[in-house]
Amino acid sequence: MPAPPDPDDDVPWDPDAPVEVPIDGTLDLHTFSPKELKHLVPDYLEACRERGILLVRVVHGKGTGTLQRTVHALLARLPYVADYRLADPTSGGWGATVVTLRAL
């Protein structure tokens, strides 16, 4: 969900406006709803591939594990995902998944 409006900002706040996600090899899912993942994760990974970023970290959080299972189910169906695994403790542990992508 987008941040609430800044009272000092003159630009009107639109909660339905698209959110620009930087393509830097880390996708933090904390600001997205679970229903957005079906398109968000594949689109982000494709954008990474287009930029030559073949090692991506998806931060899903630790929580109950539901989001992690959803992400892993999506990754298992994508033909351009070579491998995925939980991150090591210094990169988020079981709160993040490291994805290796196939080059274009």
Protein backbone atom coordinates (compact mmCIF):
# COMPACT_ATOMS: atom_id res chain seq x y z
CA MET A 1 0.00 0.00 0.00
CA PRO A 2 1.41 3.42 -0.89
CA ALA A 3 2.46 5.74 1.90
CA PRO A 4 -0.11 8.23 3.16
CA PRO A 5 0.15 11.73 1.82
CA ASP A 6 2.70 14.14 3.19
CA PRO A 7 0.75 17.14 4.51
CA ASP A 8 3.51 19.46 3.24
CA ASP A 9 3.35 18.03 -0.29
CA ASP A 10 1.32 19.84 -2.96
CA VAL A 11 0.90 16.69 -5.07
CA PRO A 12 -2.43 14.92 -4.46
CA TRP A 13 -2.13 11.39 -3.08
CA ASP A 14 -3.49 8.58 -5.22
CA PRO A 15 -3.62 5.21 -3.42
CA ASP A 16 -4.17 3.46 -6.78
CA ALA A 17 -1.14 5.02 -8.44
CA PRO A 18 1.50 2.53 -9.61
CA VAL A 19 4.44 2.04 -7.28
CA GLU A 20 7.85 2.30 -8.91
CA VAL A 21 10.10 -0.50 -7.70
CA PRO A 22 13.84 -0.03 -8.20
CA ILE A 23 15.37 -2.88 -10.21
CA ASP A 24 18.49 -3.48 -8.13
CA GLY A 25 18.38 -7.20 -7.37
CA THR A 26 16.39 -6.98 -4.14
CA LEU A 27 12.61 -7.20 -4.07
CA ASP A 28 11.11 -6.40 -0.65
CA LEU A 29 7.54 -7.70 -0.54
CA HIS A 30 6.63 -6.00 2.74
CA THR A 31 4.88 -3.10 0.99
CA PHE A 32 2.78 -5.26 -1.34
CA SER A 33 -0.38 -7.25 -0.81
CA PRO A 34 -0.28 -11.03 -1.39
CA LYS A 35 -2.68 -10.70 -4.35
CA GLU A 36 -0.07 -8.60 -6.19
CA LEU A 37 2.61 -11.30 -6.07
CA LYS A 38 1.35 -13.35 -9.02
CA HIS A 39 2.44 -10.61 -11.43
CA LEU A 40 4.92 -8.64 -9.32
CA VAL A 41 7.47 -11.42 -8.75
CA PRO A 42 7.68 -12.65 -12.38
CA ASP A 43 7.70 -9.09 -13.74
CA TYR A 44 10.48 -8.07 -11.35
CA LEU A 45 12.58 -11.12 -12.18
CA GLU A 46 12.15 -10.49 -15.92
CA ALA A 47 13.24 -6.87 -15.43
CA CYS A 48 16.32 -8.09 -13.56
CA ARG A 49 17.18 -10.49 -16.40
CA GLU A 50 16.85 -7.68 -18.94
CA ARG A 51 19.43 -5.72 -16.93
CA GLY A 52 21.78 -8.68 -16.53
CA ILE A 53 21.00 -9.13 -12.82
CA LEU A 54 20.95 -12.90 -12.41
CA LEU A 55 21.14 -13.18 -8.62
CA VAL A 56 18.08 -11.72 -6.90
CA ARG A 57 17.03 -11.59 -3.26
CA VAL A 58 13.29 -11.69 -2.55
CA VAL A 59 12.49 -10.52 0.98
CA HIS A 60 9.23 -12.10 2.12
CA GLY A 61 9.72 -11.89 5.88
CA LYS A 62 9.62 -14.64 8.45
CA GLY A 63 6.03 -14.46 9.69
CA THR A 64 3.99 -17.66 9.41
CA GLY A 65 5.72 -18.83 6.24
CA THR A 66 2.67 -18.38 4.01
CA LEU A 67 4.29 -15.66 1.91
CA GLN A 68 7.48 -17.70 1.60
CA ARG A 69 5.53 -20.72 0.35
CA THR A 70 3.67 -18.53 -2.15
CA VAL A 71 6.93 -17.08 -3.49
CA HIS A 72 8.51 -20.54 -3.74
CA ALA A 73 5.47 -21.90 -5.60
CA LEU A 74 5.73 -19.03 -8.10
CA LEU A 75 9.48 -19.56 -8.56
CA ALA A 76 9.03 -23.29 -9.14
CA ARG A 77 6.82 -22.55 -12.18
CA LEU A 78 9.08 -19.99 -13.87
CA PRO A 79 11.24 -21.54 -16.61
CA TYR A 80 13.94 -18.86 -16.32
CA VAL A 81 14.57 -19.58 -12.62
CA ALA A 82 17.64 -21.82 -12.46
CA ASP A 83 17.61 -22.22 -8.66
CA TYR A 84 16.25 -20.72 -5.47
CA ARG A 85 17.06 -21.23 -1.80
CA LEU A 86 16.62 -19.55 1.53
CA ALA A 87 19.15 -16.80 2.13
CA ASP A 88 22.09 -17.29 4.45
CA PRO A 89 21.84 -15.70 7.91
CA THR A 90 23.64 -12.52 6.83
CA SER A 91 21.20 -11.97 3.94
CA GLY A 92 17.92 -12.51 5.75
CA GLY A 93 17.92 -16.21 6.64
CA TRP A 94 14.51 -17.80 6.27
CA GLY A 95 12.98 -14.34 5.78
CA ALA A 96 14.42 -14.06 2.27
CA THR A 97 14.93 -16.26 -0.77
CA VAL A 98 17.91 -16.01 -3.11
CA VAL A 99 17.00 -16.67 -6.73
CA THR A 100 19.43 -17.56 -9.52
CA LEU A 101 18.08 -16.64 -12.96
CA ARG A 102 19.01 -17.96 -16.38
CA ALA A 103 20.55 -15.39 -18.70
CA LEU A 104 18.58 -14.14 -21.69
